[in-house]
Amino acid sequence: IDEGKEHLYYIGKVEGLNKPSVLFLNDCKF
C-alpha cells in the first residue's frame, strides 16, 4: 500500500513456503 510501513517488505508466496510473507527489514542481524 502507498502508506505502508517502511520496515515491512512483501515478498509474496515463495516456492517452498505455505503463505505470502513479509520481511522485517528493521530486524536484520548477523
Full PDB file with SEQRES, HELIX, SHEET, SSBOND, CRYST1, ORIGX, SCALE, CONECT and MASTER records, all heavy atoms in Angstrom:
SEQRES   1 A   30  ILE ASP GLU GLY LYS GLU HIS LEU TYR TYR ILE GLY LYS          
SEQRES   2 A   30  VAL GLU GLY LEU ASN LYS PRO SER VAL LEU PHE LEU ASN          
SEQRES   3 A   30  ASP CYS LYS PHE                                              
HELIX    1 AA1 LEU A   25  ASP A   27  5                                   3    
SHEET    1 AA1 2 LEU A   8  GLY A  12  0                                        
SHEET    2 AA1 2 SER A  21  PHE A  24 -1                                        
CRYST1    1.000    1.000    1.000  90.00  90.00  90.00 P 1           1          
ORIGX1      1.000000  0.000000  0.000000        0.00000                         
ORIGX2      0.000000  1.000000  0.000000        0.00000                         
ORIGX3      0.000000  0.000000  1.000000        0.00000                         
SCALE1      1.000000  0.000000  0.000000        0.00000                         
SCALE2      0.000000  1.000000  0.000000        0.00000                         
SCALE3      0.000000  0.000000  1.000000        0.00000                         
ATOM      1  N   ILE A   1       0.851  -1.200   0.000  1.00  0.00           N  
ATOM      2  CA  ILE A   1       0.000   0.000   0.000  1.00  0.00           C  
ATOM      3  C   ILE A   1       0.889   1.253   0.000  1.00  0.00           C  
ATOM      4  O   ILE A   1       2.029   1.214   0.463  1.00  0.00           O  
ATOM      5  CB  ILE A   1      -0.973   0.029   1.205  1.00  0.00           C  
ATOM      6  CG1 ILE A   1      -0.229   0.003   2.538  1.00  0.00           C  
ATOM      7  CG2 ILE A   1      -1.967  -1.118   1.125  1.00  0.00           C  
ATOM      8  CD1 ILE A   1      -1.111   0.207   3.757  1.00  0.00           C  
ATOM      9  N   ASP A   2       0.329   2.341  -0.514  1.00  0.00           N  
ATOM     10  CA  ASP A   2       1.097   3.583  -0.630  1.00  0.00           C  
ATOM     11  C   ASP A   2       1.647   4.077   0.705  1.00  0.00           C  
ATOM     12  O   ASP A   2       2.760   4.574   0.773  1.00  0.00           O  
ATOM     13  CB  ASP A   2       0.242   4.684  -1.271  1.00  0.00           C  
ATOM     14  CG  ASP A   2       0.009   4.430  -2.747  1.00  0.00           C  
ATOM     15  OD1 ASP A   2       0.827   3.718  -3.365  1.00  0.00           O  
ATOM     16  OD2 ASP A   2      -0.996   4.931  -3.283  1.00  0.00           O  
ATOM     17  N   GLU A   3       0.868   3.989   1.738  1.00  0.00           N  
ATOM     18  CA  GLU A   3       1.305   4.459   3.062  1.00  0.00           C  
ATOM     19  C   GLU A   3       1.731   3.284   3.936  1.00  0.00           C  
ATOM     20  O   GLU A   3       1.529   3.293   5.142  1.00  0.00           O  
ATOM     21  CB  GLU A   3       0.174   5.240   3.738  1.00  0.00           C  
ATOM     22  CG  GLU A   3      -0.254   6.494   2.993  1.00  0.00           C  
ATOM     23  CD  GLU A   3       0.871   7.510   2.877  1.00  0.00           C  
ATOM     24  OE1 GLU A   3       1.598   7.720   3.864  1.00  0.00           O  
ATOM     25  OE2 GLU A   3       1.026   8.080   1.777  1.00  0.00           O  
ATOM     26  N   GLY A   4       2.358   2.285   3.312  1.00  0.00           N  
ATOM     27  CA  GLY A   4       2.774   1.087   4.041  1.00  0.00           C  
ATOM     28  C   GLY A   4       3.896   1.367   5.020  1.00  0.00           C  
ATOM     29  O   GLY A   4       4.570   2.400   4.949  1.00  0.00           O  
ATOM     30  N   LYS A   5       4.091   0.436   5.918  1.00  0.00           N  
ATOM     31  CA  LYS A   5       5.142   0.567   6.935  1.00  0.00           C  
ATOM     32  C   LYS A   5       6.499   0.294   6.298  1.00  0.00           C  
ATOM     33  O   LYS A   5       6.709  -0.721   5.648  1.00  0.00           O  
ATOM     34  CB  LYS A   5       4.869  -0.392   8.085  1.00  0.00           C  
ATOM     35  CG  LYS A   5       3.611  -0.018   8.848  1.00  0.00           C  
ATOM     36  CD  LYS A   5       3.447  -0.844  10.087  1.00  0.00           C  
ATOM     37  CE  LYS A   5       2.227  -0.352  10.854  1.00  0.00           C  
ATOM     38  NZ  LYS A   5       2.064  -1.072  12.113  1.00  0.00           N  
ATOM     39  N   GLU A   6       7.428   1.224   6.514  1.00  0.00           N  
ATOM     40  CA  GLU A   6       8.746   1.171   5.892  1.00  0.00           C  
ATOM     41  C   GLU A   6       9.553  -0.072   6.276  1.00  0.00           C  
ATOM     42  O   GLU A   6      10.409  -0.510   5.517  1.00  0.00           O  
ATOM     43  CB  GLU A   6       9.554   2.426   6.241  1.00  0.00           C  
ATOM     44  CG  GLU A   6       9.049   3.677   5.557  1.00  0.00           C  
ATOM     45  CD  GLU A   6       9.241   3.632   4.048  1.00  0.00           C  
ATOM     46  OE1 GLU A   6      10.361   3.344   3.587  1.00  0.00           O  
ATOM     47  OE2 GLU A   6       8.248   3.862   3.340  1.00  0.00           O  
ATOM     48  N   HIS A   7       9.282  -0.618   7.453  1.00  0.00           N  
ATOM     49  CA  HIS A   7      10.078  -1.763   7.906  1.00  0.00           C  
ATOM     50  C   HIS A   7       9.552  -3.100   7.401  1.00  0.00           C  
ATOM     51  O   HIS A   7      10.173  -4.138   7.637  1.00  0.00           O  
ATOM     52  CB  HIS A   7      10.184  -1.768   9.435  1.00  0.00           C  
ATOM     53  CG  HIS A   7       8.916  -2.139  10.136  1.00  0.00           C  
ATOM     54  ND1 HIS A   7       7.838  -1.284  10.223  1.00  0.00           N  
ATOM     55  CD2 HIS A   7       8.561  -3.277  10.766  1.00  0.00           C  
ATOM     56  CE1 HIS A   7       6.871  -1.875  10.893  1.00  0.00           C  
ATOM     57  NE2 HIS A   7       7.280  -3.085  11.235  1.00  0.00           N  
ATOM     58  N   LEU A   8       8.425  -3.102   6.689  1.00  0.00           N  
ATOM     59  CA  LEU A   8       7.844  -4.339   6.176  1.00  0.00           C  
ATOM     60  C   LEU A   8       7.975  -4.385   4.656  1.00  0.00           C  
ATOM     61  O   LEU A   8       7.561  -3.463   3.965  1.00  0.00           O  
ATOM     62  CB  LEU A   8       6.358  -4.436   6.559  1.00  0.00           C  
ATOM     63  CG  LEU A   8       6.049  -4.470   8.054  1.00  0.00           C  
ATOM     64  CD1 LEU A   8       4.549  -4.420   8.281  1.00  0.00           C  
ATOM     65  CD2 LEU A   8       6.658  -5.709   8.707  1.00  0.00           C  
ATOM     66  N   TYR A   9       8.528  -5.479   4.147  1.00  0.00           N  
ATOM     67  CA  TYR A   9       8.701  -5.641   2.702  1.00  0.00           C  
ATOM     68  C   TYR A   9       8.034  -6.947   2.288  1.00  0.00           C  
ATOM     69  O   TYR A   9       8.427  -8.038   2.726  1.00  0.00           O  
ATOM     70  CB  TYR A   9      10.182  -5.648   2.324  1.00  0.00           C  
ATOM     71  CG  TYR A   9      10.396  -5.663   0.833  1.00  0.00           C  
ATOM     72  CD1 TYR A   9      10.605  -4.490   0.130  1.00  0.00           C  
ATOM     73  CD2 TYR A   9      10.361  -6.864   0.116  1.00  0.00           C  
ATOM     74  CE1 TYR A   9      10.780  -4.498  -1.241  1.00  0.00           C  
ATOM     75  CE2 TYR A   9      10.535  -6.879  -1.255  1.00  0.00           C  
ATOM     76  CZ  TYR A   9      10.738  -5.694  -1.926  1.00  0.00           C  
ATOM     77  OH  TYR A   9      10.900  -5.709  -3.294  1.00  0.00           O  
ATOM     78  N   TYR A  10       7.040  -6.849   1.400  1.00  0.00           N  
ATOM     79  CA  TYR A  10       6.273  -8.001   0.937  1.00  0.00           C  
ATOM     80  C   TYR A  10       7.064  -8.798  -0.097  1.00  0.00           C  
ATOM     81  O   TYR A  10       7.545  -8.240  -1.086  1.00  0.00           O  
ATOM     82  CB  TYR A  10       4.961  -7.512   0.327  1.00  0.00           C  
ATOM     83  CG  TYR A  10       4.077  -8.600  -0.224  1.00  0.00           C  
ATOM     84  CD1 TYR A  10       3.393  -9.460   0.625  1.00  0.00           C  
ATOM     85  CD2 TYR A  10       3.900  -8.746  -1.597  1.00  0.00           C  
ATOM     86  CE1 TYR A  10       2.565 -10.450   0.125  1.00  0.00           C  
ATOM     87  CE2 TYR A  10       3.074  -9.738  -2.111  1.00  0.00           C  
ATOM     88  CZ  TYR A  10       2.408 -10.585  -1.245  1.00  0.00           C  
ATOM     89  OH  TYR A  10       1.588 -11.566  -1.748  1.00  0.00           O  
ATOM     90  N   ILE A  11       7.210 -10.112   0.134  1.00  0.00           N  
ATOM     91  CA  ILE A  11       7.901 -10.971  -0.829  1.00  0.00           C  
ATOM     92  C   ILE A  11       6.960 -11.971  -1.503  1.00  0.00           C  
ATOM     93  O   ILE A  11       7.392 -12.742  -2.360  1.00  0.00           O  
ATOM     94  CB  ILE A  11       9.087 -11.720  -0.191  1.00  0.00           C  
ATOM     95  CG1 ILE A  11       8.629 -12.643   0.942  1.00  0.00           C  
ATOM     96  CG2 ILE A  11      10.144 -10.728   0.287  1.00  0.00           C  
ATOM     97  CD1 ILE A  11       9.705 -13.602   1.437  1.00  0.00           C  
ATOM     98  N   GLY A  12       5.696 -11.965  -1.110  1.00  0.00           N  
ATOM     99  CA  GLY A  12       4.733 -12.886  -1.718  1.00  0.00           C  
ATOM    100  C   GLY A  12       4.872 -14.298  -1.179  1.00  0.00           C  
ATOM    101  O   GLY A  12       5.468 -14.533  -0.133  1.00  0.00           O  
ATOM    102  N   LYS A  13       4.306 -15.236  -1.941  1.00  0.00           N  
ATOM    103  CA  LYS A  13       4.372 -16.654  -1.562  1.00  0.00           C  
ATOM    104  C   LYS A  13       5.507 -17.301  -2.352  1.00  0.00           C  
ATOM    105  O   LYS A  13       5.362 -17.635  -3.520  1.00  0.00           O  
ATOM    106  CB  LYS A  13       3.058 -17.374  -1.840  1.00  0.00           C  
ATOM    107  CG  LYS A  13       3.049 -18.813  -1.353  1.00  0.00           C  
ATOM    108  CD  LYS A  13       1.703 -19.464  -1.611  1.00  0.00           C  
ATOM    109  CE  LYS A  13       1.711 -20.908  -1.180  1.00  0.00           C  
ATOM    110  NZ  LYS A  13       2.548 -21.758  -2.017  1.00  0.00           N  
ATOM    111  N   VAL A  14       6.633 -17.447  -1.705  1.00  0.00           N  
ATOM    112  CA  VAL A  14       7.823 -18.019  -2.321  1.00  0.00           C  
ATOM    113  C   VAL A  14       7.673 -19.541  -2.356  1.00  0.00           C  
ATOM    114  O   VAL A  14       7.185 -20.146  -1.390  1.00  0.00           O  
ATOM    115  CB  VAL A  14       9.087 -17.614  -1.536  1.00  0.00           C  
ATOM    116  CG1 VAL A  14      10.328 -18.291  -2.081  1.00  0.00           C  
ATOM    117  CG2 VAL A  14       9.247 -16.098  -1.527  1.00  0.00           C  
ATOM    118  N   GLU A  15       8.102 -20.139  -3.452  1.00  0.00           N  
ATOM    119  CA  GLU A  15       8.051 -21.598  -3.566  1.00  0.00           C  
ATOM    120  C   GLU A  15       8.778 -22.234  -2.381  1.00  0.00           C  
ATOM    121  O   GLU A  15       9.891 -21.840  -2.036  1.00  0.00           O  
ATOM    122  CB  GLU A  15       8.700 -22.048  -4.874  1.00  0.00           C  
ATOM    123  CG  GLU A  15       8.541 -23.535  -5.129  1.00  0.00           C  
ATOM    124  CD  GLU A  15       9.109 -23.968  -6.460  1.00  0.00           C  
ATOM    125  OE1 GLU A  15       9.256 -23.133  -7.368  1.00  0.00           O  
ATOM    126  OE2 GLU A  15       9.406 -25.173  -6.580  1.00  0.00           O  
ATOM    127  N   GLY A  16       8.119 -23.195  -1.737  1.00  0.00           N  
ATOM    128  CA  GLY A  16       8.670 -23.857  -0.558  1.00  0.00           C  
ATOM    129  C   GLY A  16       8.040 -23.376   0.730  1.00  0.00           C  
ATOM    130  O   GLY A  16       8.201 -23.994   1.777  1.00  0.00           O  
ATOM    131  N   LEU A  17       7.305 -22.247   0.663  1.00  0.00           N  
ATOM    132  CA  LEU A  17       6.598 -21.725   1.826  1.00  0.00           C  
ATOM    133  C   LEU A  17       5.094 -21.888   1.619  1.00  0.00           C  
ATOM    134  O   LEU A  17       4.626 -22.005   0.486  1.00  0.00           O  
ATOM    135  CB  LEU A  17       6.953 -20.255   2.059  1.00  0.00           C  
ATOM    136  CG  LEU A  17       8.442 -19.954   2.259  1.00  0.00           C  
ATOM    137  CD1 LEU A  17       8.642 -18.466   2.489  1.00  0.00           C  
ATOM    138  CD2 LEU A  17       9.011 -20.748   3.412  1.00  0.00           C  
ATOM    139  N   ASN A  18       4.347 -21.867   2.709  1.00  0.00           N  
ATOM    140  CA  ASN A  18       2.909 -22.099   2.630  1.00  0.00           C  
ATOM    141  C   ASN A  18       2.070 -20.848   2.447  1.00  0.00           C  
ATOM    142  O   ASN A  18       0.925 -20.938   2.028  1.00  0.00           O  
ATOM    143  CB  ASN A  18       2.421 -22.827   3.889  1.00  0.00           C  
ATOM    144  CG  ASN A  18       3.006 -24.212   4.009  1.00  0.00           C  
ATOM    145  OD1 ASN A  18       3.242 -24.885   3.010  1.00  0.00           O  
ATOM    146  ND2 ASN A  18       3.258 -24.643   5.230  1.00  0.00           N  
ATOM    147  N   LYS A  19       2.617 -19.679   2.796  1.00  0.00           N  
ATOM    148  CA  LYS A  19       1.823 -18.446   2.790  1.00  0.00           C  
ATOM    149  C   LYS A  19       2.638 -17.287   2.243  1.00  0.00           C  
ATOM    150  O   LYS A  19       3.861 -17.297   2.314  1.00  0.00           O  
ATOM    151  CB  LYS A  19       1.384 -18.089   4.214  1.00  0.00           C  
ATOM    152  CG  LYS A  19       0.471 -19.073   4.887  1.00  0.00           C  
ATOM    153  CD  LYS A  19       0.146 -18.576   6.285  1.00  0.00           C  
ATOM    154  CE  LYS A  19      -0.843 -19.476   6.991  1.00  0.00           C  
ATOM    155  NZ  LYS A  19      -1.170 -18.941   8.318  1.00  0.00           N  
ATOM    156  N   PRO A  20       1.937 -16.235   1.783  1.00  0.00           N  
ATOM    157  CA  PRO A  20       2.639 -14.989   1.443  1.00  0.00           C  
ATOM    158  C   PRO A  20       3.287 -14.419   2.705  1.00  0.00           C  
ATOM    159  O   PRO A  20       2.741 -14.548   3.804  1.00  0.00           O  
ATOM    160  CB  PRO A  20       1.524 -14.070   0.936  1.00  0.00           C  
ATOM    161  CG  PRO A  20       0.387 -14.968   0.600  1.00  0.00           C  
ATOM    162  CD  PRO A  20       0.509 -16.158   1.507  1.00  0.00           C  
ATOM    163  N   SER A  21       4.435 -13.792   2.537  1.00  0.00           N  
ATOM    164  CA  SER A  21       5.196 -13.323   3.698  1.00  0.00           C  
ATOM    165  C   SER A  21       5.756 -11.924   3.494  1.00  0.00           C  
ATOM    166  O   SER A  21       5.827 -11.431   2.370  1.00  0.00           O  
ATOM    167  CB  SER A  21       6.361 -14.281   3.969  1.00  0.00           C  
ATOM    168  OG  SER A  21       5.903 -15.579   4.240  1.00  0.00           O  
ATOM    169  N   VAL A  22       6.160 -11.314   4.602  1.00  0.00           N  
ATOM    170  CA  VAL A  22       6.863 -10.035   4.587  1.00  0.00           C  
ATOM    171  C   VAL A  22       8.139 -10.157   5.402  1.00  0.00           C  
ATOM    172  O   VAL A  22       8.227 -10.959   6.330  1.00  0.00           O  
ATOM    173  CB  VAL A  22       6.017  -8.861   5.154  1.00  0.00           C  
ATOM    174  CG1 VAL A  22       4.804  -8.589   4.313  1.00  0.00           C  
ATOM    175  CG2 VAL A  22       5.630  -9.100   6.587  1.00  0.00           C  
ATOM    176  N   LEU A  23       9.115  -9.334   5.027  1.00  0.00           N  
ATOM    177  CA  LEU A  23      10.372  -9.251   5.768  1.00  0.00           C  
ATOM    178  C   LEU A  23      10.283  -8.134   6.799  1.00  0.00           C  
ATOM    179  O   LEU A  23       9.685  -7.091   6.531  1.00  0.00           O  
ATOM    180  CB  LEU A  23      11.523  -8.944   4.815  1.00  0.00           C  
ATOM    181  CG  LEU A  23      11.775  -9.942   3.691  1.00  0.00           C  
ATOM    182  CD1 LEU A  23      12.814  -9.379   2.722  1.00  0.00           C  
ATOM    183  CD2 LEU A  23      12.228 -11.271   4.247  1.00  0.00           C  
ATOM    184  N   PHE A  24      10.898  -8.328   7.946  1.00  0.00           N  
ATOM    185  CA  PHE A  24      11.071  -7.276   8.947  1.00  0.00           C  
ATOM    186  C   PHE A  24      12.438  -6.641   8.705  1.00  0.00           C  
ATOM    187  O   PHE A  24      13.444  -7.071   9.283  1.00  0.00           O  
ATOM    188  CB  PHE A  24      11.019  -7.836  10.366  1.00  0.00           C  
ATOM    189  CG  PHE A  24       9.671  -8.285  10.828  1.00  0.00           C  
ATOM    190  CD1 PHE A  24       9.405  -9.631  11.032  1.00  0.00           C  
ATOM    191  CD2 PHE A  24       8.675  -7.364  11.086  1.00  0.00           C  
ATOM    192  CE1 PHE A  24       8.174 -10.043  11.486  1.00  0.00           C  
ATOM    193  CE2 PHE A  24       7.431  -7.763  11.540  1.00  0.00           C  
ATOM    194  CZ  PHE A  24       7.182  -9.113  11.737  1.00  0.00           C  
ATOM    195  N   LEU A  25      12.487  -5.629   7.853  1.00  0.00           N  
ATOM    196  CA  LEU A  25      13.764  -5.025   7.473  1.00  0.00           C  
ATOM    197  C   LEU A  25      14.520  -4.470   8.681  1.00  0.00           C  
ATOM    198  O   LEU A  25      15.752  -4.455   8.697  1.00  0.00           O  
ATOM    199  CB  LEU A  25      13.546  -3.925   6.434  1.00  0.00           C  
ATOM    200  CG  LEU A  25      12.939  -4.379   5.103  1.00  0.00           C  
ATOM    201  CD1 LEU A  25      12.637  -3.171   4.222  1.00  0.00           C  
ATOM    202  CD2 LEU A  25      13.847  -5.366   4.393  1.00  0.00           C  
ATOM    203  N   ASN A  26      13.799  -4.011   9.686  1.00  0.00           N  
ATOM    204  CA  ASN A  26      14.432  -3.411  10.855  1.00  0.00           C  
ATOM    205  C   ASN A  26      14.954  -4.436  11.860  1.00  0.00           C  
ATOM    206  O   ASN A  26      15.506  -4.075  12.889  1.00  0.00           O  
ATOM    207  CB  ASN A  26      13.461  -2.460  11.559  1.00  0.00           C  
ATOM    208  CG  ASN A  26      12.229  -3.167  12.094  1.00  0.00           C  
ATOM    209  OD1 ASN A  26      11.754  -4.141  11.505  1.00  0.00           O  
ATOM    210  ND2 ASN A  26      11.696  -2.678  13.190  1.00  0.00           N  
ATOM    211  N   ASP A  27      14.806  -5.714  11.553  1.00  0.00           N  
ATOM    212  CA  ASP A  27      15.296  -6.760  12.454  1.00  0.00           C  
ATOM    213  C   ASP A  27      16.450  -7.557  11.860  1.00  0.00           C  
ATOM    214  O   ASP A  27      16.802  -8.620  12.379  1.00  0.00           O  
ATOM    215  CB  ASP A  27      14.164  -7.723  12.824  1.00  0.00           C  
ATOM    216  CG  ASP A  27      13.357  -7.263  14.022  1.00  0.00           C  
ATOM    217  OD1 ASP A  27      13.935  -6.604  14.898  1.00  0.00           O  
ATOM    218  OD2 ASP A  27      12.157  -7.573  14.080  1.00  0.00           O  
ATOM    219  N   CYS A  28      17.050  -7.064  10.777  1.00  0.00           N  
ATOM    220  CA  CYS A  28      18.159  -7.820  10.182  1.00  0.00           C  
ATOM    221  C   CYS A  28      19.298  -7.927  11.187  1.00  0.00           C  
ATOM    222  O   CYS A  28      19.507  -7.031  11.999  1.00  0.00           O  
ATOM    223  CB  CYS A  28      18.626  -7.193   8.876  1.00  0.00           C  
ATOM    224  SG  CYS A  28      19.385  -5.582   9.028  1.00  0.00           S  
ATOM    225  N   LYS A  29      19.994  -9.042  11.135  1.00  0.00           N  
ATOM    226  CA  LYS A  29      21.096  -9.245  12.067  1.00  0.00           C  
ATOM    227  C   LYS A  29      22.021 -10.343  11.569  1.00  0.00           C  
ATOM    228  O   LYS A  29      21.621 -11.207  10.789  1.00  0.00           O  
ATOM    229  CB  LYS A  29      20.582  -9.577  13.456  1.00  0.00           C  
ATOM    230  CG  LYS A  29      19.833 -10.904  13.553  1.00  0.00           C  
ATOM    231  CD  LYS A  29      19.098 -11.057  14.850  1.00  0.00           C  
ATOM    232  CE  LYS A  29      19.831 -11.888  15.850  1.00  0.00           C  
ATOM    233  NZ  LYS A  29      19.133 -12.094  17.102  1.00  0.00           N  
ATOM    234  N   PHE A  30      23.272 -10.294  12.035  1.00  0.00           N  
ATOM    235  CA  PHE A  30      24.210 -11.359  11.745  1.00  0.00           C  
ATOM    236  C   PHE A  30      24.008 -12.477  12.760  1.00  0.00           C  
ATOM    237  O   PHE A  30      23.809 -12.215  13.950  1.00  0.00           O  
ATOM    238  CB  PHE A  30      25.656 -10.855  11.835  1.00  0.00           C  
ATOM    239  CG  PHE A  30      26.110 -10.167  10.587  1.00  0.00           C  
ATOM    240  CD1 PHE A  30      26.138  -8.783  10.513  1.00  0.00           C  
ATOM    241  CD2 PHE A  30      26.511 -10.896   9.479  1.00  0.00           C  
ATOM    242  CE1 PHE A  30      26.559  -8.141   9.361  1.00  0.00           C  
ATOM    243  CE2 PHE A  30      26.940 -10.270   8.321  1.00  0.00           C  
ATOM    244  CZ  PHE A  30      26.960  -8.886   8.252  1.00  0.00           C  
TER     245      PHE A  30                                                      
MASTER        0    0    0    1    2    0    0    6  244    1    0    3          
END                                                                             
